[in-house]
Amino acid sequence: MDTHEYINGEITVIWQPQKCIHAAVCVKTLPAVYNPKERPWIKVENATPQELKNQIDLCPSGALSYKFNTDK
């Protein structure tokens, strides 16, 4: 399964493009983070980890997920 990971401090955003239905929920919720016309199209540095988590929880397709980074 193809995935892309974007790290923002304590959170890593995981995108699975094959699941994405382009519902535009991400773009409408956090337009400073998600811009499909740019590459990379996800700029996690433009939001706080909590803002990212809140938005990803709204993803209708499950294409976006996250994991918390912990010190090892």
Protein backbone atom coordinates (compact mmCIF):
# COMPACT_ATOMS: atom_id res chain seq x y z
CA MET A 1 0.00 0.00 0.00
CA ASP A 2 1.38 3.37 -1.06
CA THR A 3 1.59 5.89 1.78
CA HIS A 4 3.15 9.28 2.30
CA GLU A 5 4.15 10.60 5.72
CA TYR A 6 4.44 14.23 6.77
CA ILE A 7 5.95 15.03 10.18
CA ASN A 8 5.02 18.02 12.34
CA GLY A 9 6.74 17.73 15.71
CA GLU A 10 4.67 15.38 17.83
CA ILE A 11 2.37 14.14 15.03
CA THR A 12 2.93 12.38 11.72
CA VAL A 13 0.20 12.72 9.08
CA ILE A 14 -0.20 9.63 6.90
CA TRP A 15 -1.84 9.92 3.49
CA GLN A 16 -2.99 6.90 1.48
CA PRO A 17 -3.72 8.29 -2.01
CA GLN A 18 -5.52 5.17 -3.24
CA LYS A 19 -8.19 5.67 -0.55
CA CYS A 20 -8.67 9.38 -1.20
CA ILE A 21 -12.08 10.25 -2.64
CA HIS A 22 -11.27 13.97 -2.86
CA ALA A 23 -14.19 14.97 -0.69
CA ALA A 24 -12.44 18.32 -0.18
CA VAL A 25 -13.08 18.17 3.57
CA CYS A 26 -9.35 18.60 4.17
CA VAL A 27 -9.00 21.59 1.84
CA LYS A 28 -12.06 23.34 3.25
CA THR A 29 -11.07 22.72 6.87
CA LEU A 30 -7.36 23.62 6.67
CA PRO A 31 -6.65 25.40 3.36
CA ALA A 32 -3.20 26.53 4.55
CA VAL A 33 -2.21 22.87 4.97
CA TYR A 34 -3.89 21.15 2.02
CA ASN A 35 -3.39 22.59 -1.46
CA PRO A 36 -3.86 20.02 -4.26
CA LYS A 37 -2.25 22.36 -6.79
CA GLU A 38 1.10 22.39 -4.99
CA ARG A 39 3.74 19.74 -4.36
CA PRO A 40 3.95 18.56 -1.74
CA TRP A 41 0.24 19.19 -1.40
CA ILE A 42 0.26 18.66 2.37
CA LYS A 43 2.18 21.28 4.38
CA VAL A 44 1.85 20.13 7.99
CA GLU A 45 3.97 23.01 9.24
CA ASN A 46 1.04 25.34 8.56
CA ALA A 47 -1.07 23.97 11.44
CA THR A 48 -0.63 22.81 14.99
CA PRO A 49 -0.63 19.09 15.77
CA GLN A 50 -4.04 19.50 17.45
CA GLU A 51 -5.50 21.27 14.40
CA LEU A 52 -4.20 18.47 12.19
CA LYS A 53 -5.65 15.77 14.47
CA ASN A 54 -9.05 17.49 14.58
CA GLN A 55 -9.19 17.78 10.78
CA ILE A 56 -7.99 14.23 10.11
CA ASP A 57 -10.70 12.90 12.42
CA LEU A 58 -13.19 14.32 9.85
CA CYS A 59 -11.70 12.49 6.84
CA PRO A 60 -14.61 10.55 5.28
CA SER A 61 -12.51 8.04 3.33
CA GLY A 62 -9.83 7.15 5.86
CA ALA A 63 -7.16 8.31 3.42
CA LEU A 64 -5.70 10.57 6.10
CA SER A 65 -4.59 9.24 9.45
CA TYR A 66 -2.02 10.19 12.04
CA LYS A 67 0.28 8.78 14.65
CA PHE A 68 1.91 10.48 17.57
CA ASN A 69 5.70 10.57 17.61
CA THR A 70 7.34 9.53 20.83
CA ASP A 71 10.93 9.79 21.90
CA LYS A 72 12.66 6.42 21.85
